[in-house]
Amino acid sequence: MSVVSDTVRVAQPGSAIGQSVRDSLVVAQRNLIRMSRIPEMVIFGLIQPIMFVVLFSYVFGGSMTIAGSNDPGTYREFLMAGIFAQTVTFATAGAGAGIADDMHKGLIDRFRSLPMARGAVLTGRTLADLVQTALTLLVLAVVALLVGWRTHTNAGEVLGAFGLLLLAGYAFTWIGALIGLSVRTPEAATSGGLIWLFPVTFVSNAFVDTGQMTPWLRHVADWNPFSATVQACRELFGNPGVSQSDAWPMQHPVWASMIYSIAIIVIFRTLAVRKYRSATA
């Protein structure tokens, strides 16, 4: 009898993890099916980053000095890492709005009444958003190639850069999940998900050389988690604009990007799941 009890106790953690994975995948599948039935969600999500690529490339391309050059082609290569990173982080607003919409309709309460893992609803939602983000990055990369962006490293480093982008995007969707659980309407989640993103993405090295900023602002930009991901992508793509800053994240951007992203996932997933347990529609 004691052997059976011990076996059950040992098996329980594994079965709980297995159930959590299964439940998360079911919720992710539900959200992907919903996205496929509302194609305008994907289409509108693609239009904005494409507009950024075209506008920044052709409007600002000839007026920016990057690595001592005013060549528009140089700026396009400098720009794309920032556009890629901005695209994955802006997915935060969509994640928050989607969860807030489920809350508003009472769907979250119905999920909470089912015998399923506590974090599965949020994990499934963020995984579905990750798939949509990957699709957006794929389309955006094709557009970037059409306007003249090129990489100058091997395939492994290029894939590593896109892996870091997806990791950062997944991390930021957990911030969106927490926002979505903390507000009352999808509109408020969209606004709350965008307000803080603008200073994060623009007080960075995404669109300009931080060496041209005032010292205190450059210090903020160099330690910005968003800047670390942008810097890591430029390094892995072999694009111009690698910073000469002495800040640790700029000297070791790949490691910094990974550490920042994992820390954000751990912190905000914990907060979001805790909020989910006490949330009411």
C-alpha atoms as a PDB file:
ATOM      1  CA  MET A   1       0.000   0.000   0.000  1.00  0.00           C
ATOM      2  CA  SER A   2       2.774   2.387   0.892  1.00  0.00           C
ATOM      3  CA  VAL A   3       4.521   1.559  -2.373  1.00  0.00           C
ATOM      4  CA  VAL A   4       1.374   2.451  -4.320  1.00  0.00           C
ATOM      5  CA  SER A   5       0.975   5.696  -2.368  1.00  0.00           C
ATOM      6  CA  ASP A   6       4.587   6.625  -2.994  1.00  0.00           C
ATOM      7  CA  THR A   7       4.158   5.873  -6.683  1.00  0.00           C
ATOM      8  CA  VAL A   8       1.083   8.100  -6.859  1.00  0.00           C
ATOM      9  CA  ARG A   9       2.881  10.923  -5.074  1.00  0.00           C
ATOM     10  CA  VAL A  10       5.814  10.647  -7.465  1.00  0.00           C
ATOM     11  CA  ALA A  11       3.537  10.505 -10.524  1.00  0.00           C
ATOM     12  CA  GLN A  12       1.410  13.441  -9.541  1.00  0.00           C
ATOM     13  CA  PRO A  13       3.928  16.195 -10.409  1.00  0.00           C
ATOM     14  CA  GLY A  14       4.539  14.664 -13.829  1.00  0.00           C
ATOM     15  CA  SER A  15       0.826  14.246 -14.516  1.00  0.00           C
ATOM     16  CA  ALA A  16       0.186  17.832 -13.393  1.00  0.00           C
ATOM     17  CA  ILE A  17       2.841  19.102 -15.788  1.00  0.00           C
ATOM     18  CA  GLY A  18       1.432  16.906 -18.554  1.00  0.00           C
ATOM     19  CA  GLN A  19      -2.075  18.203 -17.943  1.00  0.00           C
ATOM     20  CA  SER A  20      -0.821  21.791 -17.921  1.00  0.00           C
ATOM     21  CA  VAL A  21       0.899  21.250 -21.295  1.00  0.00           C
ATOM     22  CA  ARG A  22      -2.190  19.585 -22.805  1.00  0.00           C
ATOM     23  CA  ASP A  23      -4.529  22.281 -21.500  1.00  0.00           C
ATOM     24  CA  SER A  24      -2.244  25.036 -22.759  1.00  0.00           C
ATOM     25  CA  LEU A  25      -2.091  23.509 -26.230  1.00  0.00           C
ATOM     26  CA  VAL A  26      -5.884  23.134 -26.347  1.00  0.00           C
ATOM     27  CA  VAL A  27      -6.346  26.812 -25.445  1.00  0.00           C
ATOM     28  CA  ALA A  28      -3.667  27.800 -27.968  1.00  0.00           C
ATOM     29  CA  GLN A  29      -5.476  25.807 -30.650  1.00  0.00           C
ATOM     30  CA  ARG A  30      -8.751  27.528 -29.747  1.00  0.00           C
ATOM     31  CA  ASN A  31      -7.155  30.952 -30.133  1.00  0.00           C
ATOM     32  CA  LEU A  32      -5.474  30.045 -33.429  1.00  0.00           C
ATOM     33  CA  ILE A  33      -8.779  28.800 -34.842  1.00  0.00           C
ATOM     34  CA  ARG A  34     -10.400  32.055 -33.721  1.00  0.00           C
ATOM     35  CA  MET A  35      -7.663  34.064 -35.437  1.00  0.00           C
ATOM     36  CA  SER A  36      -8.097  32.080 -38.658  1.00  0.00           C
ATOM     37  CA  ARG A  37     -11.815  32.875 -38.650  1.00  0.00           C
ATOM     38  CA  ILE A  38     -11.112  36.592 -38.221  1.00  0.00           C
ATOM     39  CA  PRO A  39      -8.412  37.154 -40.880  1.00  0.00           C
ATOM     40  CA  GLU A  40      -8.599  40.929 -40.524  1.00  0.00           C
ATOM     41  CA  MET A  41      -6.884  40.548 -37.144  1.00  0.00           C
ATOM     42  CA  VAL A  42      -3.822  39.107 -38.889  1.00  0.00           C
ATOM     43  CA  ILE A  43      -4.020  41.481 -41.871  1.00  0.00           C
ATOM     44  CA  PHE A  44      -4.186  44.642 -39.745  1.00  0.00           C
ATOM     45  CA  GLY A  45      -1.375  43.272 -37.601  1.00  0.00           C
ATOM     46  CA  LEU A  46       0.774  43.031 -40.740  1.00  0.00           C
ATOM     47  CA  ILE A  47      -0.058  46.448 -42.193  1.00  0.00           C
ATOM     48  CA  GLN A  48       1.428  48.536 -39.369  1.00  0.00           C
ATOM     49  CA  PRO A  49       4.978  47.096 -39.397  1.00  0.00           C
ATOM     50  CA  ILE A  50       5.040  47.180 -43.215  1.00  0.00           C
ATOM     51  CA  MET A  51       4.106  50.875 -43.099  1.00  0.00           C
ATOM     52  CA  PHE A  52       6.916  51.497 -40.596  1.00  0.00           C
ATOM     53  CA  VAL A  53       9.430  49.805 -42.899  1.00  0.00           C
ATOM     54  CA  VAL A  54       8.401  51.820 -45.950  1.00  0.00           C
ATOM     55  CA  LEU A  55       8.028  55.157 -44.152  1.00  0.00           C
ATOM     56  CA  PHE A  56      11.252  54.994 -42.145  1.00  0.00           C
ATOM     57  CA  SER A  57      13.233  53.611 -45.080  1.00  0.00           C
ATOM     58  CA  TYR A  58      12.245  56.233 -47.632  1.00  0.00           C
ATOM     59  CA  VAL A  59      11.336  59.254 -45.474  1.00  0.00           C
ATOM     60  CA  PHE A  60      14.260  59.166 -43.033  1.00  0.00           C
ATOM     61  CA  GLY A  61      16.720  57.013 -44.973  1.00  0.00           C
ATOM     62  CA  GLY A  62      18.676  59.871 -46.540  1.00  0.00           C
ATOM     63  CA  SER A  63      18.800  62.096 -43.451  1.00  0.00           C
ATOM     64  CA  MET A  64      20.345  59.682 -40.939  1.00  0.00           C
ATOM     65  CA  THR A  65      24.077  59.250 -40.405  1.00  0.00           C
ATOM     66  CA  ILE A  66      24.931  55.660 -39.510  1.00  0.00           C
ATOM     67  CA  ALA A  67      28.529  54.462 -39.175  1.00  0.00           C
ATOM     68  CA  GLY A  68      29.633  57.710 -40.817  1.00  0.00           C
ATOM     69  CA  SER A  69      27.445  57.199 -43.857  1.00  0.00           C
ATOM     70  CA  ASN A  70      24.300  58.964 -45.121  1.00  0.00           C
ATOM     71  CA  ASP A  71      23.559  56.194 -47.606  1.00  0.00           C
ATOM     72  CA  PRO A  72      19.848  55.217 -47.434  1.00  0.00           C
ATOM     73  CA  GLY A  73      20.789  51.562 -47.905  1.00  0.00           C
ATOM     74  CA  THR A  74      22.973  51.669 -44.805  1.00  0.00           C
ATOM     75  CA  TYR A  75      20.124  53.124 -42.789  1.00  0.00           C
ATOM     76  CA  ARG A  76      17.734  50.413 -44.022  1.00  0.00           C
ATOM     77  CA  GLU A  77      20.072  47.722 -42.728  1.00  0.00           C
ATOM     78  CA  PHE A  78      20.462  49.625 -39.454  1.00  0.00           C
ATOM     79  CA  LEU A  79      16.686  50.116 -39.212  1.00  0.00           C
ATOM     80  CA  MET A  80      15.382  46.594 -39.714  1.00  0.00           C
ATOM     81  CA  ALA A  81      16.527  45.139 -36.389  1.00  0.00           C
ATOM     82  CA  GLY A  82      14.629  47.958 -34.665  1.00  0.00           C
ATOM     83  CA  ILE A  83      11.498  47.387 -36.762  1.00  0.00           C
ATOM     84  CA  PHE A  84      11.593  43.652 -36.098  1.00  0.00           C
ATOM     85  CA  ALA A  85      11.938  44.247 -32.352  1.00  0.00           C
ATOM     86  CA  GLN A  86       9.228  46.901 -32.335  1.00  0.00           C
ATOM     87  CA  THR A  87       6.852  44.542 -34.139  1.00  0.00           C
ATOM     88  CA  VAL A  88       7.230  41.730 -31.616  1.00  0.00           C
ATOM     89  CA  THR A  89       6.853  44.062 -28.642  1.00  0.00           C
ATOM     90  CA  PHE A  90       3.766  45.783 -30.055  1.00  0.00           C
ATOM     91  CA  ALA A  91       2.071  42.368 -30.030  1.00  0.00           C
ATOM     92  CA  THR A  92       1.686  43.082 -26.299  1.00  0.00           C
ATOM     93  CA  ALA A  93      -1.310  45.308 -26.971  1.00  0.00           C
ATOM     94  CA  GLY A  94      -3.098  42.589 -28.927  1.00  0.00           C
ATOM     95  CA  ALA A  95      -2.461  40.020 -26.211  1.00  0.00           C
ATOM     96  CA  GLY A  96      -3.837  42.311 -23.529  1.00  0.00           C
ATOM     97  CA  ALA A  97      -6.902  43.243 -25.579  1.00  0.00           C
ATOM     98  CA  GLY A  98      -7.664  39.588 -26.340  1.00  0.00           C
ATOM     99  CA  ILE A  99      -7.530  38.543 -22.692  1.00  0.00           C
ATOM    100  CA  ALA A 100      -9.549  41.583 -21.625  1.00  0.00           C
ATOM    101  CA  ASP A 101     -12.174  40.680 -24.255  1.00  0.00           C
ATOM    102  CA  ASP A 102     -12.388  37.131 -22.889  1.00  0.00           C
ATOM    103  CA  MET A 103     -12.764  38.576 -19.396  1.00  0.00           C
ATOM    104  CA  HIS A 104     -15.467  41.003 -20.527  1.00  0.00           C
ATOM    105  CA  LYS A 105     -17.478  38.194 -22.168  1.00  0.00           C
ATOM    106  CA  GLY A 106     -17.190  35.940 -19.130  1.00  0.00           C
ATOM    107  CA  LEU A 107     -15.113  33.335 -20.938  1.00  0.00           C
ATOM    108  CA  ILE A 108     -12.366  33.462 -18.323  1.00  0.00           C
ATOM    109  CA  ASP A 109     -14.908  32.614 -15.602  1.00  0.00           C
ATOM    110  CA  ARG A 110     -16.040  29.587 -17.597  1.00  0.00           C
ATOM    111  CA  PHE A 111     -12.442  28.450 -18.002  1.00  0.00           C
ATOM    112  CA  ARG A 112     -11.849  28.899 -14.279  1.00  0.00           C
ATOM    113  CA  SER A 113     -14.829  26.621 -13.527  1.00  0.00           C
ATOM    114  CA  LEU A 114     -13.272  23.757 -15.500  1.00  0.00           C
ATOM    115  CA  PRO A 115     -10.834  21.192 -14.044  1.00  0.00           C
ATOM    116  CA  MET A 116      -7.831  22.563 -15.900  1.00  0.00           C
ATOM    117  CA  ALA A 117      -4.401  23.882 -15.002  1.00  0.00           C
ATOM    118  CA  ARG A 118      -4.494  27.407 -13.593  1.00  0.00           C
ATOM    119  CA  GLY A 119      -1.946  28.897 -15.944  1.00  0.00           C
ATOM    120  CA  ALA A 120      -3.115  27.053 -19.076  1.00  0.00           C
ATOM    121  CA  VAL A 121      -5.505  29.763 -20.274  1.00  0.00           C
ATOM    122  CA  LEU A 122      -2.829  32.437 -20.211  1.00  0.00           C
ATOM    123  CA  THR A 123      -0.080  30.161 -21.529  1.00  0.00           C
ATOM    124  CA  GLY A 124      -2.293  29.025 -24.397  1.00  0.00           C
ATOM    125  CA  ARG A 125      -3.152  32.605 -25.270  1.00  0.00           C
ATOM    126  CA  THR A 126       0.491  33.718 -25.269  1.00  0.00           C
ATOM    127  CA  LEU A 127       1.521  30.708 -27.371  1.00  0.00           C
ATOM    128  CA  ALA A 128      -1.132  31.558 -29.968  1.00  0.00           C
ATOM    129  CA  ASP A 129       0.125  35.151 -30.025  1.00  0.00           C
ATOM    130  CA  LEU A 130       3.653  33.803 -30.502  1.00  0.00           C
ATOM    131  CA  VAL A 131       2.539  31.912 -33.633  1.00  0.00           C
ATOM    132  CA  GLN A 132       0.944  35.077 -35.012  1.00  0.00           C
ATOM    133  CA  THR A 133       4.111  37.045 -34.211  1.00  0.00           C
ATOM    134  CA  ALA A 134       6.231  34.477 -36.070  1.00  0.00           C
ATOM    135  CA  LEU A 135       3.979  34.813 -39.133  1.00  0.00           C
ATOM    136  CA  THR A 136       4.241  38.605 -38.952  1.00  0.00           C
ATOM    137  CA  LEU A 137       8.045  38.423 -38.743  1.00  0.00           C
ATOM    138  CA  LEU A 138       8.166  36.141 -41.775  1.00  0.00           C
ATOM    139  CA  VAL A 139       6.121  38.543 -43.905  1.00  0.00           C
ATOM    140  CA  LEU A 140       8.065  41.526 -42.584  1.00  0.00           C
ATOM    141  CA  ALA A 141      11.399  39.894 -43.450  1.00  0.00           C
ATOM    142  CA  VAL A 142      10.225  39.407 -47.044  1.00  0.00           C
ATOM    143  CA  VAL A 143       9.199  43.088 -47.256  1.00  0.00           C
ATOM    144  CA  ALA A 144      12.550  44.117 -45.767  1.00  0.00           C
ATOM    145  CA  LEU A 145      14.412  42.129 -48.416  1.00  0.00           C
ATOM    146  CA  LEU A 146      12.351  43.855 -51.105  1.00  0.00           C
ATOM    147  CA  VAL A 147      13.348  47.335 -49.866  1.00  0.00           C
ATOM    148  CA  GLY A 148      17.033  46.451 -49.741  1.00  0.00           C
ATOM    149  CA  TRP A 149      17.750  44.918 -46.315  1.00  0.00           C
ATOM    150  CA  ARG A 150      20.454  42.247 -46.312  1.00  0.00           C
ATOM    151  CA  THR A 151      22.197  40.069 -43.731  1.00  0.00           C
ATOM    152  CA  HIS A 152      25.959  39.446 -43.767  1.00  0.00           C
ATOM    153  CA  THR A 153      26.343  36.430 -41.475  1.00  0.00           C
ATOM    154  CA  ASN A 154      25.589  32.715 -41.713  1.00  0.00           C
ATOM    155  CA  ALA A 155      22.140  31.120 -41.546  1.00  0.00           C
ATOM    156  CA  GLY A 156      22.621  29.958 -37.949  1.00  0.00           C
ATOM    157  CA  GLU A 157      23.243  33.489 -36.675  1.00  0.00           C
ATOM    158  CA  VAL A 158      20.299  34.867 -38.643  1.00  0.00           C
ATOM    159  CA  LEU A 159      17.995  32.195 -37.211  1.00  0.00           C
ATOM    160  CA  GLY A 160      19.422  32.937 -33.765  1.00  0.00           C
ATOM    161  CA  ALA A 161      18.451  36.590 -34.171  1.00  0.00           C
ATOM    162  CA  PHE A 162      14.885  35.669 -35.065  1.00  0.00           C
ATOM    163  CA  GLY A 163      14.848  33.281 -32.106  1.00  0.00           C
ATOM    164  CA  LEU A 164      15.808  36.143 -29.784  1.00  0.00           C
ATOM    165  CA  LEU A 165      13.059  38.287 -31.331  1.00  0.00           C
ATOM    166  CA  LEU A 166      10.441  35.597 -30.698  1.00  0.00           C
ATOM    167  CA  LEU A 167      11.691  35.104 -27.139  1.00  0.00           C
ATOM    168  CA  ALA A 168      11.434  38.854 -26.497  1.00  0.00           C
ATOM    169  CA  GLY A 169       7.999  38.962 -28.096  1.00  0.00           C
ATOM    170  CA  TYR A 170       6.808  36.073 -25.931  1.00  0.00           C
ATOM    171  CA  ALA A 171       8.166  37.816 -22.842  1.00  0.00           C
ATOM    172  CA  PHE A 172       6.332  41.038 -23.625  1.00  0.00           C
ATOM    173  CA  THR A 173       3.025  39.218 -24.233  1.00  0.00           C
ATOM    174  CA  TRP A 174       3.080  38.247 -20.553  1.00  0.00           C
ATOM    175  CA  ILE A 175       3.128  41.939 -19.708  1.00  0.00           C
ATOM    176  CA  GLY A 176       0.121  42.286 -22.010  1.00  0.00           C
ATOM    177  CA  ALA A 177      -1.594  39.377 -20.253  1.00  0.00           C
ATOM    178  CA  LEU A 178      -1.209  41.085 -16.889  1.00  0.00           C
ATOM    179  CA  ILE A 179      -2.579  44.343 -18.301  1.00  0.00           C
ATOM    180  CA  GLY A 180      -5.521  42.516 -19.874  1.00  0.00           C
ATOM    181  CA  LEU A 181      -6.417  40.934 -16.535  1.00  0.00           C
ATOM    182  CA  SER A 182      -6.087  44.256 -14.705  1.00  0.00           C
ATOM    183  CA  VAL A 183      -8.490  46.399 -16.760  1.00  0.00           C
ATOM    184  CA  ARG A 184     -12.231  46.232 -17.410  1.00  0.00           C
ATOM    185  CA  THR A 185     -12.515  46.606 -21.183  1.00  0.00           C
ATOM    186  CA  PRO A 186     -10.555  45.595 -24.310  1.00  0.00           C
ATOM    187  CA  GLU A 187     -10.263  49.272 -25.250  1.00  0.00           C
ATOM    188  CA  ALA A 188      -8.550  50.051 -21.962  1.00  0.00           C
ATOM    189  CA  ALA A 189      -6.214  47.073 -22.482  1.00  0.00           C
ATOM    190  CA  THR A 190      -5.232  48.346 -25.929  1.00  0.00           C
ATOM    191  CA  SER A 191      -4.521  51.839 -24.612  1.00  0.00           C
ATOM    192  CA  GLY A 192      -2.699  50.530 -21.552  1.00  0.00           C
ATOM    193  CA  GLY A 193      -0.665  48.177 -23.712  1.00  0.00           C
ATOM    194  CA  LEU A 194       0.540  50.947 -26.026  1.00  0.00           C
ATOM    195  CA  ILE A 195       1.185  53.909 -23.712  1.00  0.00           C
ATOM    196  CA  TRP A 196       4.295  52.459 -22.074  1.00  0.00           C
ATOM    197  CA  LEU A 197       5.543  50.848 -25.302  1.00  0.00           C
ATOM    198  CA  PHE A 198       6.243  54.131 -27.061  1.00  0.00           C
ATOM    199  CA  PRO A 199       8.933  55.356 -24.617  1.00  0.00           C
ATOM    200  CA  VAL A 200      10.377  51.838 -24.399  1.00  0.00           C
ATOM    201  CA  THR A 201      10.775  51.524 -28.162  1.00  0.00           C
ATOM    202  CA  PHE A 202      11.727  55.105 -29.010  1.00  0.00           C
ATOM    203  CA  VAL A 203      14.112  55.777 -26.092  1.00  0.00           C
ATOM    204  CA  SER A 204      16.369  53.100 -27.501  1.00  0.00           C
ATOM    205  CA  ASN A 205      18.810  52.337 -30.284  1.00  0.00           C
ATOM    206  CA  ALA A 206      16.070  51.129 -32.635  1.00  0.00           C
ATOM    207  CA  PHE A 207      15.843  54.103 -34.972  1.00  0.00           C
ATOM    208  CA  VAL A 208      18.784  56.373 -34.111  1.00  0.00           C
ATOM    209  CA  ASP A 209      22.364  56.038 -32.927  1.00  0.00           C
ATOM    210  CA  THR A 210      22.340  56.474 -29.138  1.00  0.00           C
ATOM    211  CA  GLY A 211      25.727  58.191 -29.402  1.00  0.00           C
ATOM    212  CA  GLN A 212      23.847  61.299 -30.557  1.00  0.00           C
ATOM    213  CA  MET A 213      21.727  61.412 -27.367  1.00  0.00           C
ATOM    214  CA  THR A 214      22.507  63.406 -24.230  1.00  0.00           C
ATOM    215  CA  PRO A 215      24.572  61.331 -21.753  1.00  0.00           C
ATOM    216  CA  TRP A 216      21.759  60.577 -19.268  1.00  0.00           C
ATOM    217  CA  LEU A 217      19.315  59.620 -22.030  1.00  0.00           C
ATOM    218  CA  ARG A 218      21.917  57.441 -23.709  1.00  0.00           C
ATOM    219  CA  HIS A 219      22.472  55.657 -20.390  1.00  0.00           C
ATOM    220  CA  VAL A 220      18.731  54.918 -20.176  1.00  0.00           C
ATOM    221  CA  ALA A 221      18.639  53.741 -23.786  1.00  0.00           C
ATOM    222  CA  ASP A 222      21.704  51.493 -23.412  1.00  0.00           C
ATOM    223  CA  TRP A 223      20.182  49.689 -20.406  1.00  0.00           C
ATOM    224  CA  ASN A 224      16.763  49.403 -22.010  1.00  0.00           C
ATOM    225  CA  PRO A 225      15.879  45.682 -22.480  1.00  0.00           C
ATOM    226  CA  PHE A 226      14.460  46.561 -25.890  1.00  0.00           C
ATOM    227  CA  SER A 227      17.833  48.038 -26.942  1.00  0.00           C
ATOM    228  CA  ALA A 228      19.612  44.821 -25.978  1.00  0.00           C
ATOM    229  CA  THR A 229      17.443  42.794 -28.346  1.00  0.00           C
ATOM    230  CA  VAL A 230      17.931  45.312 -31.167  1.00  0.00           C
ATOM    231  CA  GLN A 231      21.689  45.330 -30.609  1.00  0.00           C
ATOM    232  CA  ALA A 232      21.835  41.535 -30.516  1.00  0.00           C
ATOM    233  CA  CYS A 233      19.943  41.293 -33.808  1.00  0.00           C
ATOM    234  CA  ARG A 234      22.235  43.800 -35.529  1.00  0.00           C
ATOM    235  CA  GLU A 235      25.233  41.831 -34.351  1.00  0.00           C
ATOM    236  CA  LEU A 236      23.777  38.503 -35.503  1.00  0.00           C
ATOM    237  CA  PHE A 237      22.563  39.940 -38.828  1.00  0.00           C
ATOM    238  CA  GLY A 238      25.905  41.650 -39.427  1.00  0.00           C
ATOM    239  CA  ASN A 239      24.132  44.977 -39.957  1.00  0.00           C
ATOM    240  CA  PRO A 240      25.742  48.401 -39.333  1.00  0.00           C
ATOM    241  CA  GLY A 241      25.205  50.443 -36.206  1.00  0.00           C
ATOM    242  CA  VAL A 242      26.821  48.240 -33.557  1.00  0.00           C
ATOM    243  CA  SER A 243      27.132  50.546 -30.549  1.00  0.00           C
ATOM    244  CA  GLN A 244      30.457  51.538 -29.017  1.00  0.00           C
ATOM    245  CA  SER A 245      28.863  52.043 -25.599  1.00  0.00           C
ATOM    246  CA  ASP A 246      30.594  50.689 -22.490  1.00  0.00           C
ATOM    247  CA  ALA A 247      27.243  49.592 -20.969  1.00  0.00           C
ATOM    248  CA  TRP A 248      27.222  45.845 -20.279  1.00  0.00           C
ATOM    249  CA  PRO A 249      24.044  45.107 -22.318  1.00  0.00           C
ATOM    250  CA  MET A 250      25.624  46.774 -25.356  1.00  0.00           C
ATOM    251  CA  GLN A 251      28.880  44.872 -24.919  1.00  0.00           C
ATOM    252  CA  HIS A 252      27.111  41.510 -24.490  1.00  0.00           C
ATOM    253  CA  PRO A 253      23.761  42.057 -26.244  1.00  0.00           C
ATOM    254  CA  VAL A 254      22.907  38.421 -26.973  1.00  0.00           C
ATOM    255  CA  TRP A 255      23.290  37.374 -23.349  1.00  0.00           C
ATOM    256  CA  ALA A 256      21.602  40.555 -22.147  1.00  0.00           C
ATOM    257  CA  SER A 257      18.618  39.991 -24.438  1.00  0.00           C
ATOM    258  CA  MET A 258      18.202  36.409 -23.220  1.00  0.00           C
ATOM    259  CA  ILE A 259      18.520  37.373 -19.549  1.00  0.00           C
ATOM    260  CA  TYR A 260      16.089  40.270 -19.869  1.00  0.00           C
ATOM    261  CA  SER A 261      13.510  38.152 -21.721  1.00  0.00           C
ATOM    262  CA  ILE A 262      13.672  35.205 -19.319  1.00  0.00           C
ATOM    263  CA  ALA A 263      13.442  37.536 -16.306  1.00  0.00           C
ATOM    264  CA  ILE A 264      10.370  39.261 -17.786  1.00  0.00           C
ATOM    265  CA  ILE A 265       8.696  35.880 -18.446  1.00  0.00           C
ATOM    266  CA  VAL A 266       9.342  34.619 -14.913  1.00  0.00           C
ATOM    267  CA  ILE A 267       8.198  37.829 -13.209  1.00  0.00           C
ATOM    268  CA  PHE A 268       5.154  38.678 -15.299  1.00  0.00           C
ATOM    269  CA  ARG A 269       3.933  35.102 -15.742  1.00  0.00           C
ATOM    270  CA  THR A 270       3.934  34.734 -11.975  1.00  0.00           C
ATOM    271  CA  LEU A 271       2.037  38.014 -11.534  1.00  0.00           C
ATOM    272  CA  ALA A 272      -0.413  37.226 -14.357  1.00  0.00           C
ATOM    273  CA  VAL A 273      -1.271  33.738 -13.070  1.00  0.00           C
ATOM    274  CA  ARG A 274      -1.768  35.148  -9.573  1.00  0.00           C
ATOM    275  CA  LYS A 275      -4.047  37.830 -10.992  1.00  0.00           C
ATOM    276  CA  TYR A 276      -5.933  35.237 -13.030  1.00  0.00           C
ATOM    277  CA  ARG A 277      -6.732  33.229  -9.932  1.00  0.00           C
ATOM    278  CA  SER A 278      -8.475  36.187  -8.306  1.00  0.00           C
ATOM    279  CA  ALA A 279      -9.907  37.834 -11.431  1.00  0.00           C
ATOM    280  CA  THR A 280     -13.631  38.233 -11.985  1.00  0.00           C
ATOM    281  CA  ALA A 281     -15.452  39.197 -15.136  1.00  0.00           C
END
